[in-house]
Amino acid sequence: MTEIVSRHRSRVFSLPGAPGQPLELAWGAATDIGLRRTVNEDSVIAVPGMFAVADGLGGHAAGDVASDAAVGRLGQAARSRARRGGILQPRDVVEALAAAGADIAGASRGIAYGSGTTVTGVAVVEHVGVPALQVFNIGDSRVYRFRDHDLEQVTVDHSYVQDLVASGQITPEEAEVHPDANIITRALGFGDLPEVDRWVLHPLPGTRILACSDGLTRELTDSTIGILLGVGSGPEETARSLVNAAVGAGGRDNVTVAVIDVLAAPSLPEAGGPPARALADTGAY
């Protein structure tokens, strides 16, 4: 388990060409081994410009090494953009994850079944001349958007049961209790870099972003997660309360979360429309 969390947990991000269009964030993170695992294979990063959770795959050797590689390379990408105030270029996340995949391949030599990890989160990137958030995902860890007491899952699980839901064979409610809910269809590791789902998000002030491993969502309903996000506590206390609640509800897996609060955001026409859209539709990525 690797936990990379900056000492200072808030930052104003701005670009020289748009000094009056800042993005101000505050954040916190927490992780717990849970009640049934002997090793915490989750890793988390919450530093200026990069917030992500990686869940090393259970049942595979060196899952903790794989999740460490993911957050380590994402951290390098964030540090390399420090001169730009922590604002990344859109391709930085994909390049960092490609490097992490190579690291995992090297660490997995000699391991019969290899090792891998999910990874999901948000990065501060430049988009249409102002700071924005890029949501990214491989696997079944999730990113949620919470605003006005409404919880919305932004990412789409790469899992067998999600494929069943998408094809209409089962309902989302049935997916939550399906016996094959732990089977994922996409992971970082095990060969070539899989496709990285990415979206651009122009959140409004007052938006709260949650990145979490499935140790949270396997124990808590969306309703409970929304209640805990809406209590009014700061991001660090909220992250800890979410983790504690998941452990208290059973703690069958490692539990890791990062909570990011949007305190100020650029004013853009897109801000009044859908909160997220696939980057593939923009033609710029």
C-alpha atoms as a PDB file:
ATOM      1  CA  MET A   1       0.000   0.000   0.000  1.00  0.00           C
ATOM      2  CA  THR A   2       1.248   3.444  -0.938  1.00  0.00           C
ATOM      3  CA  GLU A   3      -0.309   6.640   0.389  1.00  0.00           C
ATOM      4  CA  ILE A   4       0.942   9.839  -1.272  1.00  0.00           C
ATOM      5  CA  VAL A   5      -0.893  12.789   0.251  1.00  0.00           C
ATOM      6  CA  SER A   6       0.479  16.337   0.287  1.00  0.00           C
ATOM      7  CA  ARG A   7       0.843  18.183   3.581  1.00  0.00           C
ATOM      8  CA  HIS A   8      -0.943  21.238   2.170  1.00  0.00           C
ATOM      9  CA  ARG A   9      -4.356  20.117   0.991  1.00  0.00           C
ATOM     10  CA  SER A  10      -5.709  23.027  -0.982  1.00  0.00           C
ATOM     11  CA  ARG A  11      -4.542  24.911  -4.061  1.00  0.00           C
ATOM     12  CA  VAL A  12      -5.645  27.580  -6.515  1.00  0.00           C
ATOM     13  CA  PHE A  13      -4.867  26.580 -10.112  1.00  0.00           C
ATOM     14  CA  SER A  14      -4.727  29.248 -12.812  1.00  0.00           C
ATOM     15  CA  LEU A  15      -3.192  29.754 -16.244  1.00  0.00           C
ATOM     16  CA  PRO A  16      -1.274  32.888 -17.334  1.00  0.00           C
ATOM     17  CA  GLY A  17      -3.684  33.458 -20.196  1.00  0.00           C
ATOM     18  CA  ALA A  18      -6.728  33.324 -17.909  1.00  0.00           C
ATOM     19  CA  PRO A  19      -5.727  34.730 -14.510  1.00  0.00           C
ATOM     20  CA  GLY A  20      -9.325  35.583 -13.667  1.00  0.00           C
ATOM     21  CA  GLN A  21     -10.520  32.007 -14.232  1.00  0.00           C
ATOM     22  CA  PRO A  22      -9.127  30.048 -11.282  1.00  0.00           C
ATOM     23  CA  LEU A  23      -9.914  26.522 -10.175  1.00  0.00           C
ATOM     24  CA  GLU A  24      -9.628  26.206  -6.399  1.00  0.00           C
ATOM     25  CA  LEU A  25      -9.636  22.755  -4.813  1.00  0.00           C
ATOM     26  CA  ALA A  26      -9.350  21.286  -1.331  1.00  0.00           C
ATOM     27  CA  TRP A  27      -8.860  17.571  -0.714  1.00  0.00           C
ATOM     28  CA  GLY A  28      -8.373  14.700   1.689  1.00  0.00           C
ATOM     29  CA  ALA A  29      -7.794  10.958   1.492  1.00  0.00           C
ATOM     30  CA  ALA A  30      -8.018   7.866   3.669  1.00  0.00           C
ATOM     31  CA  THR A  31      -7.416   4.135   3.429  1.00  0.00           C
ATOM     32  CA  ASP A  32      -7.906   1.061   5.629  1.00  0.00           C
ATOM     33  CA  ILE A  33      -6.943  -2.572   5.310  1.00  0.00           C
ATOM     34  CA  GLY A  34     -10.449  -3.667   6.296  1.00  0.00           C
ATOM     35  CA  LEU A  35     -11.378  -6.578   8.540  1.00  0.00           C
ATOM     36  CA  ARG A  36     -10.607  -9.612   6.382  1.00  0.00           C
ATOM     37  CA  ARG A  37      -7.448  -8.849   4.415  1.00  0.00           C
ATOM     38  CA  THR A  38      -3.891  -9.368   5.636  1.00  0.00           C
ATOM     39  CA  VAL A  39      -2.375  -6.879   3.170  1.00  0.00           C
ATOM     40  CA  ASN A  40      -3.636  -3.511   1.941  1.00  0.00           C
ATOM     41  CA  GLU A  41      -3.270  -3.708  -1.842  1.00  0.00           C
ATOM     42  CA  ASP A  42      -4.886  -0.288  -2.399  1.00  0.00           C
ATOM     43  CA  SER A  43      -2.847   2.860  -3.028  1.00  0.00           C
ATOM     44  CA  VAL A  44      -3.874   6.507  -3.137  1.00  0.00           C
ATOM     45  CA  ILE A  45      -2.434   9.809  -4.305  1.00  0.00           C
ATOM     46  CA  ALA A  46      -3.823  13.229  -3.402  1.00  0.00           C
ATOM     47  CA  VAL A  47      -1.366  15.978  -4.335  1.00  0.00           C
ATOM     48  CA  PRO A  48      -1.771  19.268  -6.227  1.00  0.00           C
ATOM     49  CA  GLY A  49      -3.080  18.389  -9.672  1.00  0.00           C
ATOM     50  CA  MET A  50      -3.509  14.625  -9.177  1.00  0.00           C
ATOM     51  CA  PHE A  51      -6.022  12.618  -7.156  1.00  0.00           C
ATOM     52  CA  ALA A  52      -6.337   8.879  -7.751  1.00  0.00           C
ATOM     53  CA  VAL A  53      -7.092   5.511  -6.185  1.00  0.00           C
ATOM     54  CA  ALA A  54      -5.607   2.205  -7.357  1.00  0.00           C
ATOM     55  CA  ASP A  55      -6.815  -1.214  -6.202  1.00  0.00           C
ATOM     56  CA  GLY A  56      -4.274  -4.000  -6.620  1.00  0.00           C
ATOM     57  CA  LEU A  57      -6.102  -7.059  -7.879  1.00  0.00           C
ATOM     58  CA  GLY A  58      -6.980  -9.519  -5.141  1.00  0.00           C
ATOM     59  CA  GLY A  59      -5.829 -13.070  -5.719  1.00  0.00           C
ATOM     60  CA  HIS A  60      -2.856 -11.963  -7.806  1.00  0.00           C
ATOM     61  CA  ALA A  61       0.683 -11.777  -6.457  1.00  0.00           C
ATOM     62  CA  ALA A  62       2.154  -8.317  -6.001  1.00  0.00           C
ATOM     63  CA  GLY A  63      -1.155  -6.457  -6.286  1.00  0.00           C
ATOM     64  CA  ASP A  64       0.240  -3.913  -3.860  1.00  0.00           C
ATOM     65  CA  VAL A  65       3.263  -3.430  -6.119  1.00  0.00           C
ATOM     66  CA  ALA A  66       0.977  -2.827  -9.095  1.00  0.00           C
ATOM     67  CA  SER A  67      -1.121  -0.198  -7.312  1.00  0.00           C
ATOM     68  CA  ASP A  68       2.071   1.451  -6.055  1.00  0.00           C
ATOM     69  CA  ALA A  69       3.358   1.693  -9.643  1.00  0.00           C
ATOM     70  CA  ALA A  70       0.147   3.377 -10.773  1.00  0.00           C
ATOM     71  CA  VAL A  71       0.089   6.121  -8.152  1.00  0.00           C
ATOM     72  CA  GLY A  72       3.866   6.520  -8.283  1.00  0.00           C
ATOM     73  CA  ARG A  73       3.875   7.297 -11.993  1.00  0.00           C
ATOM     74  CA  LEU A  74       0.870   9.604 -11.655  1.00  0.00           C
ATOM     75  CA  GLY A  75       2.757  11.425  -8.919  1.00  0.00           C
ATOM     76  CA  GLN A  76       5.753  11.853 -11.195  1.00  0.00           C
ATOM     77  CA  ALA A  77       3.502  13.363 -13.842  1.00  0.00           C
ATOM     78  CA  ALA A  78       2.107  15.853 -11.320  1.00  0.00           C
ATOM     79  CA  ARG A  79       5.582  16.821 -10.093  1.00  0.00           C
ATOM     80  CA  SER A  80       6.813  17.324 -13.648  1.00  0.00           C
ATOM     81  CA  ARG A  81       4.096  19.966 -14.120  1.00  0.00           C
ATOM     82  CA  ALA A  82       4.916  21.827 -10.919  1.00  0.00           C
ATOM     83  CA  ARG A  83       6.270  24.784 -12.928  1.00  0.00           C
ATOM     84  CA  ARG A  84       2.827  25.114 -14.528  1.00  0.00           C
ATOM     85  CA  GLY A  85       1.239  25.336 -11.111  1.00  0.00           C
ATOM     86  CA  GLY A  86       0.289  21.670 -11.067  1.00  0.00           C
ATOM     87  CA  ILE A  87      -1.774  21.865 -14.271  1.00  0.00           C
ATOM     88  CA  LEU A  88      -1.169  18.865 -16.530  1.00  0.00           C
ATOM     89  CA  GLN A  89      -1.501  18.373 -20.248  1.00  0.00           C
ATOM     90  CA  PRO A  90      -4.359  16.067 -21.289  1.00  0.00           C
ATOM     91  CA  ARG A  91      -2.060  13.240 -22.459  1.00  0.00           C
ATOM     92  CA  ASP A  92      -0.010  13.174 -19.225  1.00  0.00           C
ATOM     93  CA  VAL A  93      -2.290  10.671 -17.490  1.00  0.00           C
ATOM     94  CA  VAL A  94      -2.184   8.138 -20.335  1.00  0.00           C
ATOM     95  CA  GLU A  95       1.590   8.437 -20.620  1.00  0.00           C
ATOM     96  CA  ALA A  96       1.995   7.981 -16.865  1.00  0.00           C
ATOM     97  CA  LEU A  97      -0.181   4.881 -16.876  1.00  0.00           C
ATOM     98  CA  ALA A  98       1.732   3.446 -19.824  1.00  0.00           C
ATOM     99  CA  ALA A  99       4.941   3.849 -17.821  1.00  0.00           C
ATOM    100  CA  ALA A 100       3.263   2.250 -14.811  1.00  0.00           C
ATOM    101  CA  GLY A 101       2.243  -0.702 -16.988  1.00  0.00           C
ATOM    102  CA  ALA A 102       5.876  -1.206 -17.942  1.00  0.00           C
ATOM    103  CA  ASP A 103       6.866  -1.030 -14.274  1.00  0.00           C
ATOM    104  CA  ILE A 104       4.274  -3.650 -13.393  1.00  0.00           C
ATOM    105  CA  ALA A 105       5.480  -5.926 -16.184  1.00  0.00           C
ATOM    106  CA  GLY A 106       9.017  -5.710 -14.839  1.00  0.00           C
ATOM    107  CA  ALA A 107       7.939  -6.393 -11.279  1.00  0.00           C
ATOM    108  CA  SER A 108       5.793  -9.347 -12.392  1.00  0.00           C
ATOM    109  CA  ARG A 109       8.524 -11.336 -14.115  1.00  0.00           C
ATOM    110  CA  GLY A 110       8.566 -14.833 -12.689  1.00  0.00           C
ATOM    111  CA  ILE A 111       5.048 -14.536 -11.230  1.00  0.00           C
ATOM    112  CA  ALA A 112       2.849 -17.181 -12.837  1.00  0.00           C
ATOM    113  CA  TYR A 113      -0.310 -15.077 -13.214  1.00  0.00           C
ATOM    114  CA  GLY A 114       1.268 -11.633 -13.237  1.00  0.00           C
ATOM    115  CA  SER A 115      -0.146  -8.700 -11.301  1.00  0.00           C
ATOM    116  CA  GLY A 116      -2.359  -5.728 -12.037  1.00  0.00           C
ATOM    117  CA  THR A 117      -4.465  -2.953 -10.639  1.00  0.00           C
ATOM    118  CA  THR A 118      -7.478  -0.803 -11.253  1.00  0.00           C
ATOM    119  CA  VAL A 119      -6.877   2.942 -11.261  1.00  0.00           C
ATOM    120  CA  THR A 120      -9.278   5.873 -11.301  1.00  0.00           C
ATOM    121  CA  GLY A 121      -9.198   9.549 -10.397  1.00  0.00           C
ATOM    122  CA  VAL A 122      -9.077  13.127 -11.577  1.00  0.00           C
ATOM    123  CA  ALA A 123      -6.247  15.333 -12.797  1.00  0.00           C
ATOM    124  CA  VAL A 124      -6.170  19.103 -13.187  1.00  0.00           C
ATOM    125  CA  VAL A 125      -5.597  19.766 -16.885  1.00  0.00           C
ATOM    126  CA  GLU A 126      -5.698  22.665 -19.309  1.00  0.00           C
ATOM    127  CA  HIS A 127      -8.867  22.570 -21.410  1.00  0.00           C
ATOM    128  CA  VAL A 128     -10.081  25.329 -23.760  1.00  0.00           C
ATOM    129  CA  GLY A 129      -7.596  27.705 -22.135  1.00  0.00           C
ATOM    130  CA  VAL A 130      -8.642  27.264 -18.477  1.00  0.00           C
ATOM    131  CA  PRO A 131      -8.080  24.704 -15.703  1.00  0.00           C
ATOM    132  CA  ALA A 132     -10.497  21.766 -15.727  1.00  0.00           C
ATOM    133  CA  LEU A 133     -10.658  18.245 -14.350  1.00  0.00           C
ATOM    134  CA  GLN A 134      -9.890  15.166 -16.391  1.00  0.00           C
ATOM    135  CA  VAL A 135     -11.588  12.052 -15.021  1.00  0.00           C
ATOM    136  CA  PHE A 136      -9.848   8.790 -15.931  1.00  0.00           C
ATOM    137  CA  ASN A 137     -10.589   5.133 -15.283  1.00  0.00           C
ATOM    138  CA  ILE A 138      -9.394   1.563 -15.829  1.00  0.00           C
ATOM    139  CA  GLY A 139     -11.308  -1.153 -13.963  1.00  0.00           C
ATOM    140  CA  ASP A 140     -14.108  -1.017 -11.405  1.00  0.00           C
ATOM    141  CA  SER A 141     -12.909   1.611  -8.958  1.00  0.00           C
ATOM    142  CA  ARG A 142     -15.119   4.669  -9.361  1.00  0.00           C
ATOM    143  CA  VAL A 143     -15.337   8.448  -9.559  1.00  0.00           C
ATOM    144  CA  TYR A 144     -18.544  10.137  -8.396  1.00  0.00           C
ATOM    145  CA  ARG A 145     -19.763  13.728  -8.640  1.00  0.00           C
ATOM    146  CA  PHE A 146     -21.817  15.094  -5.730  1.00  0.00           C
ATOM    147  CA  ARG A 147     -23.679  18.393  -5.837  1.00  0.00           C
ATOM    148  CA  ASP A 148     -26.916  19.665  -4.297  1.00  0.00           C
ATOM    149  CA  HIS A 149     -27.331  16.305  -2.529  1.00  0.00           C
ATOM    150  CA  ASP A 150     -27.301  14.488  -5.868  1.00  0.00           C
ATOM    151  CA  LEU A 151     -24.754  11.685  -6.348  1.00  0.00           C
ATOM    152  CA  GLU A 152     -23.784  10.754  -9.910  1.00  0.00           C
ATOM    153  CA  GLN A 153     -21.331   8.056 -10.979  1.00  0.00           C
ATOM    154  CA  VAL A 154     -19.101   9.569 -13.661  1.00  0.00           C
ATOM    155  CA  THR A 155     -17.022   6.507 -14.538  1.00  0.00           C
ATOM    156  CA  VAL A 156     -18.331   3.282 -16.048  1.00  0.00           C
ATOM    157  CA  ASP A 157     -17.200   0.018 -14.450  1.00  0.00           C
ATOM    158  CA  HIS A 158     -15.119  -2.279 -16.609  1.00  0.00           C
ATOM    159  CA  SER A 159     -16.666  -5.431 -15.213  1.00  0.00           C
ATOM    160  CA  TYR A 160     -18.559  -8.531 -16.249  1.00  0.00           C
ATOM    161  CA  VAL A 161     -21.724  -7.490 -14.425  1.00  0.00           C
ATOM    162  CA  GLN A 162     -21.629  -4.008 -15.970  1.00  0.00           C
ATOM    163  CA  ASP A 163     -21.580  -5.677 -19.380  1.00  0.00           C
ATOM    164  CA  LEU A 164     -24.658  -7.662 -18.312  1.00  0.00           C
ATOM    165  CA  VAL A 165     -26.385  -4.451 -17.245  1.00  0.00           C
ATOM    166  CA  ALA A 166     -25.456  -2.708 -20.496  1.00  0.00           C
ATOM    167  CA  SER A 167     -26.925  -5.584 -22.515  1.00  0.00           C
ATOM    168  CA  GLY A 168     -30.135  -5.554 -20.481  1.00  0.00           C
ATOM    169  CA  GLN A 169     -29.632  -9.034 -19.008  1.00  0.00           C
ATOM    170  CA  ILE A 170     -29.708  -7.830 -15.389  1.00  0.00           C
ATOM    171  CA  THR A 171     -30.685  -4.637 -13.584  1.00  0.00           C
ATOM    172  CA  PRO A 172     -28.244  -2.318 -11.776  1.00  0.00           C
ATOM    173  CA  GLU A 173     -29.777  -3.507  -8.494  1.00  0.00           C
ATOM    174  CA  GLU A 174     -29.124  -7.147  -9.422  1.00  0.00           C
ATOM    175  CA  ALA A 175     -25.556  -6.246 -10.383  1.00  0.00           C
ATOM    176  CA  GLU A 176     -24.822  -5.066  -6.846  1.00  0.00           C
ATOM    177  CA  VAL A 177     -25.410  -8.565  -5.434  1.00  0.00           C
ATOM    178  CA  HIS A 178     -24.317 -10.655  -8.418  1.00  0.00           C
ATOM    179  CA  PRO A 179     -21.919 -13.515  -7.478  1.00  0.00           C
ATOM    180  CA  ASP A 180     -19.510 -12.493 -10.253  1.00  0.00           C
ATOM    181  CA  ALA A 181     -19.370  -8.824  -9.238  1.00  0.00           C
ATOM    182  CA  ASN A 182     -15.620  -9.057  -8.641  1.00  0.00           C
ATOM    183  CA  ILE A 183     -14.754 -10.026 -12.238  1.00  0.00           C
ATOM    184  CA  ILE A 184     -13.296  -7.072 -14.123  1.00  0.00           C
ATOM    185  CA  THR A 185     -12.759  -6.781 -17.857  1.00  0.00           C
ATOM    186  CA  ARG A 186     -10.031  -4.157 -17.927  1.00  0.00           C
ATOM    187  CA  ALA A 187      -6.975  -3.618 -15.696  1.00  0.00           C
ATOM    188  CA  LEU A 188      -3.565  -1.971 -15.724  1.00  0.00           C
ATOM    189  CA  GLY A 189      -0.995  -4.744 -16.031  1.00  0.00           C
ATOM    190  CA  PHE A 190      -1.077  -8.163 -17.680  1.00  0.00           C
ATOM    191  CA  GLY A 191       0.353  -6.906 -20.969  1.00  0.00           C
ATOM    192  CA  ASP A 192      -0.403  -3.962 -23.217  1.00  0.00           C
ATOM    193  CA  LEU A 193      -1.925  -0.772 -21.812  1.00  0.00           C
ATOM    194  CA  PRO A 194      -5.722  -1.079 -22.042  1.00  0.00           C
ATOM    195  CA  GLU A 195      -7.869   1.783 -23.249  1.00  0.00           C
ATOM    196  CA  VAL A 196      -8.091   4.502 -20.597  1.00  0.00           C
ATOM    197  CA  ASP A 197     -11.580   5.990 -20.313  1.00  0.00           C
ATOM    198  CA  ARG A 198     -11.311   9.776 -19.971  1.00  0.00           C
ATOM    199  CA  TRP A 199     -13.767  12.624 -19.591  1.00  0.00           C
ATOM    200  CA  VAL A 200     -13.414  16.355 -19.118  1.00  0.00           C
ATOM    201  CA  LEU A 201     -15.337  17.813 -16.203  1.00  0.00           C
ATOM    202  CA  HIS A 202     -16.147  21.503 -15.710  1.00  0.00           C
ATOM    203  CA  PRO A 203     -17.556  21.420 -12.178  1.00  0.00           C
ATOM    204  CA  LEU A 204     -19.348  24.257 -10.471  1.00  0.00           C
ATOM    205  CA  PRO A 205     -18.299  25.643  -7.068  1.00  0.00           C
ATOM    206  CA  GLY A 206     -19.813  23.468  -4.384  1.00  0.00           C
ATOM    207  CA  THR A 207     -19.183  20.270  -6.320  1.00  0.00           C
ATOM    208  CA  ARG A 208     -17.576  17.396  -4.420  1.00  0.00           C
ATOM    209  CA  ILE A 209     -15.665  14.661  -6.271  1.00  0.00           C
ATOM    210  CA  LEU A 210     -15.164  11.181  -4.813  1.00  0.00           C
ATOM    211  CA  ALA A 211     -12.665   8.620  -6.099  1.00  0.00           C
ATOM    212  CA  CYS A 212     -12.912   5.238  -4.390  1.00  0.00           C
ATOM    213  CA  SER A 213     -11.949   1.591  -4.557  1.00  0.00           C
ATOM    214  CA  ASP A 214     -14.688  -1.031  -4.650  1.00  0.00           C
ATOM    215  CA  GLY A 215     -14.111  -1.726  -0.984  1.00  0.00           C
ATOM    216  CA  LEU A 216     -16.314   1.311  -0.401  1.00  0.00           C
ATOM    217  CA  THR A 217     -19.070   0.594  -2.910  1.00  0.00           C
ATOM    218  CA  ARG A 218     -19.342  -3.082  -1.980  1.00  0.00           C
ATOM    219  CA  GLU A 219     -20.236  -2.107   1.583  1.00  0.00           C
ATOM    220  CA  LEU A 220     -22.178   1.159   1.256  1.00  0.00           C
ATOM    221  CA  THR A 221     -25.154   2.023  -0.929  1.00  0.00           C
ATOM    222  CA  ASP A 222     -25.125   5.142  -3.070  1.00  0.00           C
ATOM    223  CA  SER A 223     -27.690   6.598  -0.685  1.00  0.00           C
ATOM    224  CA  THR A 224     -25.375   6.156   2.313  1.00  0.00           C
ATOM    225  CA  ILE A 225     -22.395   7.520   0.383  1.00  0.00           C
ATOM    226  CA  GLY A 226     -24.434  10.576  -0.572  1.00  0.00           C
ATOM    227  CA  ILE A 227     -25.491  11.161   3.024  1.00  0.00           C
ATOM    228  CA  LEU A 228     -21.889  11.032   4.259  1.00  0.00           C
ATOM    229  CA  LEU A 229     -20.705  13.332   1.466  1.00  0.00           C
ATOM    230  CA  GLY A 230     -23.456  15.823   2.311  1.00  0.00           C
ATOM    231  CA  VAL A 231     -22.937  16.077   6.072  1.00  0.00           C
ATOM    232  CA  GLY A 232     -20.886  19.253   5.645  1.00  0.00           C
ATOM    233  CA  SER A 233     -17.538  18.080   6.989  1.00  0.00           C
ATOM    234  CA  GLY A 234     -14.265  18.968   5.254  1.00  0.00           C
ATOM    235  CA  PRO A 235     -12.755  16.599   2.693  1.00  0.00           C
ATOM    236  CA  GLU A 236     -10.263  14.962   5.076  1.00  0.00           C
ATOM    237  CA  GLU A 237     -12.893  14.225   7.735  1.00  0.00           C
ATOM    238  CA  THR A 238     -15.345  13.084   5.066  1.00  0.00           C
ATOM    239  CA  ALA A 239     -12.789  10.682   3.572  1.00  0.00           C
ATOM    240  CA  ARG A 240     -12.184   9.157   6.986  1.00  0.00           C
ATOM    241  CA  SER A 241     -15.913   8.874   7.762  1.00  0.00           C
ATOM    242  CA  LEU A 242     -16.538   7.049   4.460  1.00  0.00           C
ATOM    243  CA  VAL A 243     -13.748   4.571   5.133  1.00  0.00           C
ATOM    244  CA  ASN A 244     -14.854   3.994   8.727  1.00  0.00           C
ATOM    245  CA  ALA A 245     -18.435   3.414   7.596  1.00  0.00           C
ATOM    246  CA  ALA A 246     -17.347   0.819   5.021  1.00  0.00           C
ATOM    247  CA  VAL A 247     -15.207  -1.002   7.582  1.00  0.00           C
ATOM    248  CA  GLY A 248     -18.065  -0.876  10.082  1.00  0.00           C
ATOM    249  CA  ALA A 249     -20.457  -2.303   7.488  1.00  0.00           C
ATOM    250  CA  GLY A 250     -18.323  -5.399   7.006  1.00  0.00           C
ATOM    251  CA  GLY A 251     -14.873  -4.339   5.783  1.00  0.00           C
ATOM    252  CA  ARG A 252     -14.548  -7.326   3.491  1.00  0.00           C
ATOM    253  CA  ASP A 253     -11.927  -5.603   1.346  1.00  0.00           C
ATOM    254  CA  ASN A 254      -9.389  -2.797   1.529  1.00  0.00           C
ATOM    255  CA  VAL A 255     -11.151   0.577   1.452  1.00  0.00           C
ATOM    256  CA  THR A 256      -9.606   3.718  -0.051  1.00  0.00           C
ATOM    257  CA  VAL A 257     -11.072   7.091  -0.971  1.00  0.00           C
ATOM    258  CA  ALA A 258     -10.034  10.564  -2.064  1.00  0.00           C
ATOM    259  CA  VAL A 259     -12.454  13.481  -1.658  1.00  0.00           C
ATOM    260  CA  ILE A 260     -11.947  16.688  -3.663  1.00  0.00           C
ATOM    261  CA  ASP A 261     -13.982  19.843  -3.075  1.00  0.00           C
ATOM    262  CA  VAL A 262     -14.384  22.484  -5.774  1.00  0.00           C
ATOM    263  CA  LEU A 263     -14.237  25.855  -3.997  1.00  0.00           C
ATOM    264  CA  ALA A 264     -14.023  28.021  -7.129  1.00  0.00           C
ATOM    265  CA  ALA A 265     -14.167  27.196 -10.836  1.00  0.00           C
ATOM    266  CA  PRO A 266     -13.854  28.944 -14.204  1.00  0.00           C
ATOM    267  CA  SER A 267     -17.061  30.333 -15.672  1.00  0.00           C
ATOM    268  CA  LEU A 268     -17.636  28.590 -18.997  1.00  0.00           C
ATOM    269  CA  PRO A 269     -20.646  28.005 -21.239  1.00  0.00           C
ATOM    270  CA  GLU A 270     -20.185  24.259 -20.673  1.00  0.00           C
ATOM    271  CA  ALA A 271     -20.665  24.736 -16.948  1.00  0.00           C
ATOM    272  CA  GLY A 272     -24.392  25.195 -17.498  1.00  0.00           C
ATOM    273  CA  GLY A 273     -24.729  21.988 -19.474  1.00  0.00           C
ATOM    274  CA  PRO A 274     -23.841  18.358 -18.817  1.00  0.00           C
ATOM    275  CA  PRO A 275     -21.146  18.047 -16.125  1.00  0.00           C
ATOM    276  CA  ALA A 276     -19.061  15.541 -18.078  1.00  0.00           C
ATOM    277  CA  ARG A 277     -18.542  14.418 -21.635  1.00  0.00           C
ATOM    278  CA  ALA A 278     -16.301  11.837 -23.270  1.00  0.00           C
ATOM    279  CA  LEU A 279     -12.984  13.276 -24.358  1.00  0.00           C
ATOM    280  CA  ALA A 280     -13.268  11.203 -27.535  1.00  0.00           C
ATOM    281  CA  ASP A 281     -16.036  13.570 -28.586  1.00  0.00           C
ATOM    282  CA  THR A 282     -13.905  16.703 -28.306  1.00  0.00           C
ATOM    283  CA  GLY A 283     -11.410  15.866 -31.040  1.00  0.00           C
ATOM    284  CA  ALA A 284      -8.647  17.453 -28.959  1.00  0.00           C
ATOM    285  CA  TYR A 285      -7.329  14.390 -27.185  1.00  0.00           C
END
